[in-house]
Amino acid sequence: MTDQPPASIALEKLNIPHQVFRHETPVTSFEQAASDRSQKPEQVVRSILFQIRPEEFLMVLVAGPSQIDWKKLRQFMKRSRVRMASEDEVLEVTGYRIGTVSPFGLKNQVKILIDTSVLKEEEISLGSGIRNTAIIMKSTDLRRALQDSEIVSLLESS
């Protein structure tokens, strides 16, 4: 077996069932990631890092291509200013490059919020820490693995 993704190693330590999925061709879009994994776009979970204040970051897990409502995020965090982390910050804080970020096996402890959209699907996929490789797992197992995370509703109303 080739190198095991960091997220998979972290999940094994927690005894959380999951599969490692390796894409055969480089992933260039959200839709392609979903179709390669035989999933709907709503099952693909993005791990997005935000800076809340200097040296303080927050990760939001969001399913599908939906956008986070900035106003809801600021209200929830009780901060007037929140911004997405830069590429360098993402690497520094998580240990992962953008496009591979996972809530598991992070380099630094980060507060994680799970958007309600993530728990709507029974099976989800998310970053593994390695490019073109995903973790596929049940949303209930994600919830178990991230027990300390709050579940919030942060998406733009459609």
N, C-alpha and C. Protein backbone atom coordinates (compact mmCIF):
# COMPACT_ATOMS: atom_id res chain seq x y z
N MET A 1 0.84 -1.20 0.00
CA MET A 1 0.00 0.00 0.00
C MET A 1 0.89 1.26 0.00
N THR A 2 0.45 2.25 -0.73
CA THR A 2 1.23 3.49 -0.76
C THR A 2 1.05 4.23 0.56
N ASP A 3 1.66 5.38 0.65
CA ASP A 3 1.61 6.14 1.89
C ASP A 3 0.19 6.34 2.38
N GLN A 4 0.01 6.09 3.65
CA GLN A 4 -1.31 6.26 4.24
C GLN A 4 -1.50 7.74 4.56
N PRO A 5 -2.63 8.32 4.14
CA PRO A 5 -2.85 9.75 4.40
C PRO A 5 -2.88 10.04 5.90
N PRO A 6 -2.39 11.23 6.30
CA PRO A 6 -2.39 11.60 7.72
C PRO A 6 -3.77 11.52 8.36
N ALA A 7 -4.82 11.90 7.61
CA ALA A 7 -6.17 11.87 8.17
C ALA A 7 -6.58 10.44 8.51
N SER A 8 -6.18 9.49 7.67
CA SER A 8 -6.51 8.08 7.89
C SER A 8 -5.80 7.55 9.14
N ILE A 9 -4.55 7.94 9.31
CA ILE A 9 -3.79 7.53 10.50
C ILE A 9 -4.47 8.06 11.76
N ALA A 10 -4.89 9.33 11.71
CA ALA A 10 -5.56 9.95 12.87
C ALA A 10 -6.87 9.24 13.17
N LEU A 11 -7.63 8.88 12.12
CA LEU A 11 -8.92 8.20 12.32
C LEU A 11 -8.72 6.80 12.88
N GLU A 12 -7.67 6.12 12.43
CA GLU A 12 -7.40 4.78 12.96
C GLU A 12 -7.12 4.83 14.45
N LYS A 13 -6.38 5.87 14.88
CA LYS A 13 -6.09 6.02 16.31
C LYS A 13 -7.38 6.19 17.11
N LEU A 14 -8.39 6.79 16.48
CA LEU A 14 -9.69 7.01 17.15
C LEU A 14 -10.63 5.82 16.96
N ASN A 15 -10.16 4.78 16.24
CA ASN A 15 -11.01 3.64 15.90
C ASN A 15 -12.27 4.04 15.15
N ILE A 16 -12.11 4.97 14.23
CA ILE A 16 -13.26 5.46 13.44
C ILE A 16 -13.20 4.80 12.06
N PRO A 17 -14.25 4.07 11.67
CA PRO A 17 -14.24 3.42 10.36
C PRO A 17 -14.25 4.44 9.22
N HIS A 18 -13.48 4.16 8.19
CA HIS A 18 -13.40 5.04 7.02
C HIS A 18 -12.70 4.30 5.89
N GLN A 19 -12.80 4.85 4.69
CA GLN A 19 -12.08 4.29 3.54
C GLN A 19 -11.18 5.38 2.98
N VAL A 20 -10.08 4.96 2.41
CA VAL A 20 -9.22 5.91 1.68
C VAL A 20 -9.56 5.75 0.21
N PHE A 21 -9.87 6.85 -0.44
CA PHE A 21 -10.20 6.81 -1.87
C PHE A 21 -9.13 7.58 -2.63
N ARG A 22 -8.52 6.91 -3.61
CA ARG A 22 -7.50 7.58 -4.43
C ARG A 22 -8.06 7.86 -5.82
N HIS A 23 -8.02 9.11 -6.23
CA HIS A 23 -8.47 9.48 -7.57
C HIS A 23 -7.44 9.00 -8.59
N GLU A 24 -7.93 8.55 -9.73
CA GLU A 24 -6.99 8.08 -10.77
C GLU A 24 -6.45 9.22 -11.60
N THR A 25 -7.19 10.32 -11.64
CA THR A 25 -6.71 11.49 -12.37
C THR A 25 -6.78 12.68 -11.41
N PRO A 26 -5.97 13.70 -11.62
CA PRO A 26 -5.99 14.86 -10.72
C PRO A 26 -7.37 15.49 -10.66
N VAL A 27 -7.77 15.86 -9.47
CA VAL A 27 -9.09 16.48 -9.28
C VAL A 27 -9.00 17.96 -9.64
N THR A 28 -9.87 18.38 -10.55
CA THR A 28 -9.84 19.78 -10.97
C THR A 28 -11.10 20.52 -10.59
N SER A 29 -12.14 19.79 -10.19
CA SER A 29 -13.37 20.47 -9.80
C SER A 29 -14.10 19.67 -8.73
N PHE A 30 -14.97 20.38 -8.08
CA PHE A 30 -15.83 19.82 -7.06
C PHE A 30 -16.70 18.69 -7.63
N GLU A 31 -17.29 18.98 -8.80
CA GLU A 31 -18.19 18.01 -9.44
C GLU A 31 -17.43 16.74 -9.80
N GLN A 32 -16.19 16.91 -10.31
CA GLN A 32 -15.39 15.75 -10.67
C GLN A 32 -15.05 14.93 -9.44
N ALA A 33 -14.69 15.59 -8.35
CA ALA A 33 -14.37 14.88 -7.10
C ALA A 33 -15.56 14.02 -6.69
N ALA A 34 -16.75 14.63 -6.74
CA ALA A 34 -17.96 13.90 -6.35
C ALA A 34 -18.22 12.72 -7.28
N SER A 35 -18.15 12.95 -8.59
CA SER A 35 -18.49 11.87 -9.51
C SER A 35 -17.47 10.73 -9.46
N ASP A 36 -16.17 11.08 -9.32
CA ASP A 36 -15.15 10.03 -9.18
C ASP A 36 -15.45 9.14 -7.98
N ARG A 37 -15.97 9.76 -6.93
CA ARG A 37 -16.23 9.02 -5.69
C ARG A 37 -17.63 8.42 -5.67
N SER A 38 -18.34 8.49 -6.81
CA SER A 38 -19.73 8.02 -6.91
C SER A 38 -20.60 8.68 -5.85
N GLN A 39 -20.41 9.98 -5.70
CA GLN A 39 -21.18 10.74 -4.73
C GLN A 39 -21.82 11.94 -5.42
N LYS A 40 -22.75 12.55 -4.70
CA LYS A 40 -23.33 13.82 -5.14
C LYS A 40 -22.44 14.92 -4.58
N PRO A 41 -22.43 16.09 -5.23
CA PRO A 41 -21.62 17.20 -4.69
C PRO A 41 -21.93 17.49 -3.22
N GLU A 42 -23.18 17.29 -2.79
CA GLU A 42 -23.57 17.57 -1.40
C GLU A 42 -22.87 16.64 -0.40
N GLN A 43 -22.27 15.56 -0.91
CA GLN A 43 -21.58 14.62 -0.01
C GLN A 43 -20.11 14.97 0.18
N VAL A 44 -19.62 15.88 -0.65
CA VAL A 44 -18.21 16.26 -0.56
C VAL A 44 -18.09 17.41 0.45
N VAL A 45 -17.31 17.17 1.49
CA VAL A 45 -17.19 18.13 2.59
C VAL A 45 -15.89 18.92 2.45
N ARG A 46 -16.02 20.23 2.54
CA ARG A 46 -14.85 21.10 2.49
C ARG A 46 -14.49 21.52 3.90
N SER A 47 -13.19 21.55 4.17
CA SER A 47 -12.69 22.01 5.47
C SER A 47 -12.07 23.38 5.22
N ILE A 48 -12.74 24.43 5.67
CA ILE A 48 -12.30 25.79 5.35
C ILE A 48 -11.76 26.45 6.61
N LEU A 49 -10.57 27.01 6.50
CA LEU A 49 -9.93 27.64 7.65
C LEU A 49 -10.13 29.15 7.61
N PHE A 50 -10.56 29.70 8.74
CA PHE A 50 -10.77 31.13 8.88
C PHE A 50 -9.89 31.67 9.99
N GLN A 51 -9.46 32.92 9.82
CA GLN A 51 -8.77 33.59 10.92
C GLN A 51 -9.80 34.42 11.66
N ILE A 52 -9.90 34.18 12.97
CA ILE A 52 -10.87 34.88 13.81
C ILE A 52 -10.23 36.12 14.41
N ARG A 53 -9.00 35.96 14.87
CA ARG A 53 -8.19 37.09 15.34
C ARG A 53 -6.74 36.65 15.14
N PRO A 54 -5.79 37.56 15.26
CA PRO A 54 -4.40 37.15 15.04
C PRO A 54 -4.06 35.91 15.86
N GLU A 55 -3.44 34.96 15.21
CA GLU A 55 -3.03 33.69 15.85
C GLU A 55 -4.19 32.80 16.27
N GLU A 56 -5.42 33.17 15.92
CA GLU A 56 -6.55 32.30 16.27
C GLU A 56 -7.33 31.94 15.02
N PHE A 57 -7.43 30.62 14.80
CA PHE A 57 -8.07 30.12 13.60
C PHE A 57 -9.23 29.22 13.94
N LEU A 58 -10.10 29.05 12.98
CA LEU A 58 -11.30 28.25 13.15
C LEU A 58 -11.52 27.48 11.86
N MET A 59 -11.88 26.22 11.96
CA MET A 59 -12.17 25.44 10.77
C MET A 59 -13.68 25.19 10.70
N VAL A 60 -14.24 25.41 9.52
CA VAL A 60 -15.66 25.13 9.32
C VAL A 60 -15.78 24.03 8.28
N LEU A 61 -16.52 22.99 8.63
CA LEU A 61 -16.78 21.90 7.68
C LEU A 61 -18.12 22.18 7.03
N VAL A 62 -18.12 22.17 5.72
CA VAL A 62 -19.32 22.52 4.98
C VAL A 62 -19.48 21.54 3.82
N ALA A 63 -20.72 21.10 3.59
CA ALA A 63 -20.94 20.10 2.54
C ALA A 63 -21.35 20.75 1.24
N GLY A 64 -20.86 20.18 0.15
CA GLY A 64 -21.28 20.64 -1.16
C GLY A 64 -20.70 21.99 -1.51
N PRO A 65 -21.14 22.52 -2.65
CA PRO A 65 -20.58 23.78 -3.14
C PRO A 65 -21.16 25.01 -2.45
N SER A 66 -22.07 24.83 -1.49
CA SER A 66 -22.72 25.97 -0.83
C SER A 66 -21.70 26.91 -0.21
N GLN A 67 -22.07 28.17 -0.14
CA GLN A 67 -21.18 29.19 0.42
C GLN A 67 -21.56 29.48 1.87
N ILE A 68 -20.54 29.78 2.65
CA ILE A 68 -20.77 30.17 4.04
C ILE A 68 -21.27 31.61 4.06
N ASP A 69 -22.26 31.86 4.90
CA ASP A 69 -22.79 33.20 5.08
C ASP A 69 -21.87 33.91 6.08
N TRP A 70 -21.12 34.90 5.57
CA TRP A 70 -20.12 35.60 6.41
C TRP A 70 -20.77 36.24 7.62
N LYS A 71 -21.95 36.79 7.42
CA LYS A 71 -22.62 37.49 8.51
C LYS A 71 -22.96 36.50 9.63
N LYS A 72 -23.46 35.34 9.25
CA LYS A 72 -23.77 34.31 10.25
C LYS A 72 -22.52 33.86 10.99
N LEU A 73 -21.42 33.72 10.25
CA LEU A 73 -20.17 33.29 10.86
C LEU A 73 -19.68 34.34 11.86
N ARG A 74 -19.71 35.60 11.44
CA ARG A 74 -19.26 36.68 12.34
C ARG A 74 -20.14 36.75 13.58
N GLN A 75 -21.45 36.62 13.39
CA GLN A 75 -22.37 36.66 14.53
C GLN A 75 -22.10 35.49 15.47
N PHE A 76 -21.92 34.32 14.89
CA PHE A 76 -21.69 33.14 15.71
C PHE A 76 -20.40 33.29 16.53
N MET A 77 -19.36 33.81 15.90
CA MET A 77 -18.07 33.95 16.57
C MET A 77 -17.98 35.24 17.40
N LYS A 78 -19.04 36.07 17.30
CA LYS A 78 -19.06 37.36 17.99
C LYS A 78 -17.81 38.18 17.63
N ARG A 79 -17.50 38.18 16.34
CA ARG A 79 -16.35 38.95 15.84
C ARG A 79 -16.84 39.82 14.69
N SER A 80 -16.36 41.06 14.66
CA SER A 80 -16.78 41.93 13.56
C SER A 80 -15.98 41.62 12.30
N ARG A 81 -14.78 41.02 12.49
CA ARG A 81 -13.96 40.72 11.31
C ARG A 81 -13.50 39.28 11.36
N VAL A 82 -13.76 38.60 10.27
CA VAL A 82 -13.32 37.22 10.10
C VAL A 82 -12.83 37.15 8.66
N ARG A 83 -11.74 36.44 8.41
CA ARG A 83 -11.31 36.30 7.02
C ARG A 83 -10.84 34.87 6.78
N MET A 84 -10.85 34.49 5.52
CA MET A 84 -10.33 33.17 5.18
C MET A 84 -8.82 33.20 5.36
N ALA A 85 -8.29 32.09 5.83
CA ALA A 85 -6.85 31.99 6.03
C ALA A 85 -6.16 31.99 4.67
N SER A 86 -4.96 32.54 4.63
CA SER A 86 -4.18 32.53 3.39
C SER A 86 -3.62 31.12 3.17
N GLU A 87 -3.11 30.90 1.99
CA GLU A 87 -2.53 29.60 1.65
C GLU A 87 -1.41 29.23 2.64
N ASP A 88 -0.55 30.21 2.95
CA ASP A 88 0.54 29.95 3.90
C ASP A 88 0.02 29.64 5.29
N GLU A 89 -0.99 30.38 5.71
CA GLU A 89 -1.57 30.14 7.04
C GLU A 89 -2.20 28.75 7.12
N VAL A 90 -2.89 28.36 6.06
CA VAL A 90 -3.52 27.03 6.04
C VAL A 90 -2.45 25.97 6.25
N LEU A 91 -1.36 26.07 5.51
CA LEU A 91 -0.28 25.09 5.63
C LEU A 91 0.34 25.13 7.03
N GLU A 92 0.56 26.33 7.53
CA GLU A 92 1.19 26.49 8.84
C GLU A 92 0.31 25.95 9.96
N VAL A 93 -0.98 26.25 9.91
CA VAL A 93 -1.88 25.88 11.00
C VAL A 93 -2.28 24.40 10.93
N THR A 94 -2.61 23.92 9.71
CA THR A 94 -3.14 22.55 9.59
C THR A 94 -2.07 21.53 9.26
N GLY A 95 -0.99 22.00 8.62
CA GLY A 95 0.01 21.06 8.12
C GLY A 95 -0.37 20.54 6.74
N TYR A 96 -1.49 21.02 6.20
CA TYR A 96 -1.98 20.55 4.89
C TYR A 96 -2.01 21.70 3.89
N ARG A 97 -1.88 21.33 2.62
CA ARG A 97 -2.02 22.32 1.56
C ARG A 97 -3.51 22.48 1.22
N ILE A 98 -3.86 23.67 0.72
CA ILE A 98 -5.24 23.92 0.29
C ILE A 98 -5.63 22.85 -0.73
N GLY A 99 -6.81 22.30 -0.60
CA GLY A 99 -7.24 21.23 -1.51
C GLY A 99 -7.04 19.85 -0.90
N THR A 100 -6.29 19.78 0.21
CA THR A 100 -6.08 18.47 0.86
C THR A 100 -6.51 18.53 2.32
N VAL A 101 -6.96 19.70 2.78
CA VAL A 101 -7.20 19.92 4.20
C VAL A 101 -8.26 18.97 4.75
N SER A 102 -7.96 18.43 5.93
CA SER A 102 -8.85 17.52 6.63
C SER A 102 -8.98 18.00 8.07
N PRO A 103 -10.11 17.72 8.71
CA PRO A 103 -10.21 18.07 10.13
C PRO A 103 -9.45 17.08 11.02
N PHE A 104 -8.92 16.02 10.41
CA PHE A 104 -8.23 14.98 11.18
C PHE A 104 -6.72 15.05 10.97
N GLY A 105 -5.97 14.82 12.03
CA GLY A 105 -4.51 14.80 11.91
C GLY A 105 -3.93 16.19 11.72
N LEU A 106 -4.59 17.19 12.29
CA LEU A 106 -4.11 18.56 12.14
C LEU A 106 -2.82 18.78 12.92
N LYS A 107 -1.98 19.65 12.37
CA LYS A 107 -0.70 19.98 13.02
C LYS A 107 -0.95 20.73 14.33
N ASN A 108 -1.94 21.61 14.34
CA ASN A 108 -2.27 22.39 15.54
C ASN A 108 -3.73 22.18 15.90
N GLN A 109 -4.03 22.29 17.17
CA GLN A 109 -5.42 22.17 17.64
C GLN A 109 -6.19 23.38 17.12
N VAL A 110 -7.30 23.15 16.47
CA VAL A 110 -8.11 24.23 15.93
C VAL A 110 -9.56 23.95 16.31
N LYS A 111 -10.28 25.00 16.67
CA LYS A 111 -11.72 24.82 16.94
C LYS A 111 -12.39 24.48 15.62
N ILE A 112 -13.26 23.48 15.64
CA ILE A 112 -13.95 23.04 14.42
C ILE A 112 -15.45 23.19 14.58
N LEU A 113 -16.07 23.79 13.59
CA LEU A 113 -17.53 23.89 13.54
C LEU A 113 -18.00 22.99 12.40
N ILE A 114 -19.07 22.27 12.64
CA ILE A 114 -19.64 21.40 11.60
C ILE A 114 -20.96 22.02 11.15
N ASP A 115 -21.03 22.39 9.90
CA ASP A 115 -22.30 22.94 9.40
C ASP A 115 -23.32 21.80 9.32
N THR A 116 -24.58 22.13 9.58
CA THR A 116 -25.64 21.11 9.55
C THR A 116 -25.70 20.39 8.22
N SER A 117 -25.25 21.04 7.14
CA SER A 117 -25.27 20.43 5.80
C SER A 117 -24.46 19.13 5.77
N VAL A 118 -23.41 19.06 6.59
CA VAL A 118 -22.51 17.91 6.59
C VAL A 118 -23.23 16.65 7.09
N LEU A 119 -24.15 16.85 8.01
CA LEU A 119 -24.80 15.69 8.65
C LEU A 119 -26.07 15.25 7.92
N LYS A 120 -26.41 15.96 6.85
CA LYS A 120 -27.63 15.60 6.09
C LYS A 120 -27.42 14.33 5.28
N GLU A 121 -26.19 14.11 4.82
CA GLU A 121 -25.90 12.92 4.01
C GLU A 121 -25.36 11.82 4.91
N GLU A 122 -25.74 10.58 4.60
CA GLU A 122 -25.26 9.46 5.42
C GLU A 122 -23.78 9.21 5.20
N GLU A 123 -23.37 9.26 3.92
CA GLU A 123 -21.96 9.04 3.60
C GLU A 123 -21.37 10.33 3.05
N ILE A 124 -20.18 10.67 3.52
CA ILE A 124 -19.52 11.90 3.06
C ILE A 124 -18.07 11.59 2.69
N SER A 125 -17.44 12.53 2.00
CA SER A 125 -16.01 12.39 1.74
C SER A 125 -15.35 13.72 2.05
N LEU A 126 -14.10 13.65 2.47
CA LEU A 126 -13.38 14.87 2.80
C LEU A 126 -11.89 14.69 2.57
N GLY A 127 -11.16 15.79 2.74
CA GLY A 127 -9.73 15.78 2.49
C GLY A 127 -9.00 14.79 3.38
N SER A 128 -7.86 14.32 2.88
CA SER A 128 -7.10 13.31 3.61
C SER A 128 -5.73 13.81 4.02
N GLY A 129 -5.35 14.99 3.53
CA GLY A 129 -4.01 15.49 3.77
C GLY A 129 -3.08 15.26 2.59
N ILE A 130 -3.52 14.43 1.65
CA ILE A 130 -2.73 14.14 0.45
C ILE A 130 -3.56 14.52 -0.78
N ARG A 131 -2.90 15.12 -1.75
CA ARG A 131 -3.60 15.55 -2.96
C ARG A 131 -4.22 14.36 -3.71
N ASN A 132 -5.42 14.59 -4.27
CA ASN A 132 -6.13 13.59 -5.07
C ASN A 132 -6.45 12.31 -4.28
N THR A 133 -6.54 12.44 -2.98
CA THR A 133 -6.90 11.32 -2.12
C THR A 133 -7.94 11.83 -1.13
N ALA A 134 -8.97 11.05 -0.92
CA ALA A 134 -10.05 11.48 -0.03
C ALA A 134 -10.30 10.43 1.04
N ILE A 135 -10.99 10.86 2.07
CA ILE A 135 -11.47 9.95 3.11
C ILE A 135 -12.98 9.85 2.90
N ILE A 136 -13.48 8.62 2.84
CA ILE A 136 -14.93 8.42 2.74
C ILE A 136 -15.38 7.79 4.05
N MET A 137 -16.42 8.37 4.64
CA MET A 137 -16.90 7.87 5.93
C MET A 137 -18.35 8.23 6.14
N LYS A 138 -18.96 7.66 7.15
CA LYS A 138 -20.34 8.02 7.49
C LYS A 138 -20.33 9.33 8.28
N SER A 139 -21.34 10.16 8.06
CA SER A 139 -21.38 11.44 8.77
C SER A 139 -21.52 11.21 10.28
N THR A 140 -22.17 10.10 10.68
CA THR A 140 -22.29 9.81 12.12
C THR A 140 -20.91 9.53 12.72
N ASP A 141 -20.02 8.90 11.92
CA ASP A 141 -18.66 8.62 12.40
C ASP A 141 -17.84 9.91 12.48
N LEU A 142 -18.08 10.82 11.53
CA LEU A 142 -17.41 12.12 11.58
C LEU A 142 -17.81 12.83 12.87
N ARG A 143 -19.08 12.79 13.17
CA ARG A 143 -19.61 13.43 14.37
C ARG A 143 -18.95 12.83 15.62
N ARG A 144 -18.82 11.51 15.62
CA ARG A 144 -18.20 10.82 16.75
C ARG A 144 -16.73 11.21 16.89
N ALA A 145 -16.04 11.29 15.74
CA ALA A 145 -14.61 11.62 15.74
C ALA A 145 -14.37 13.06 16.20
N LEU A 146 -15.36 13.92 15.95
CA LEU A 146 -15.22 15.35 16.29
C LEU A 146 -16.23 15.72 17.38
N GLN A 147 -16.24 14.95 18.45
CA GLN A 147 -17.24 15.15 19.51
C GLN A 147 -17.25 16.55 20.10
N ASP A 148 -16.08 17.19 20.13
CA ASP A 148 -16.00 18.50 20.76
C ASP A 148 -16.47 19.63 19.84
N SER A 149 -16.78 19.29 18.60
CA SER A 149 -17.17 20.33 17.64
C SER A 149 -18.62 20.71 17.82
N GLU A 150 -18.88 21.98 17.57
CA GLU A 150 -20.26 22.44 17.61
C GLU A 150 -20.89 22.28 16.23
N ILE A 151 -22.19 22.00 16.24
CA ILE A 151 -22.93 21.91 14.98
C ILE A 151 -23.67 23.23 14.82
N VAL A 152 -23.48 23.86 13.68
CA VAL A 152 -24.03 25.19 13.46
C VAL A 152 -24.64 25.25 12.06
N SER A 153 -25.43 26.29 11.84
CA SER A 153 -25.99 26.48 10.51
C SER A 153 -25.44 27.79 9.97
N LEU A 154 -24.50 27.69 9.05
CA LEU A 154 -23.79 28.88 8.58
C LEU A 154 -23.91 29.14 7.09
N LEU A 155 -24.74 28.35 6.40
CA LEU A 155 -24.81 28.52 4.95
C LEU A 155 -25.74 29.64 4.57
N GLU A 156 -25.46 30.20 3.41
CA GLU A 156 -26.36 31.22 2.84
C GLU A 156 -27.70 30.56 2.57
N SER A 157 -28.75 31.24 2.92
CA SER A 157 -30.08 30.68 2.66
C SER A 157 -30.30 30.67 1.17
N SER A 158 -30.78 29.53 0.68
CA SER A 158 -30.97 29.46 -0.77
C SER A 158 -32.33 29.98 -1.14
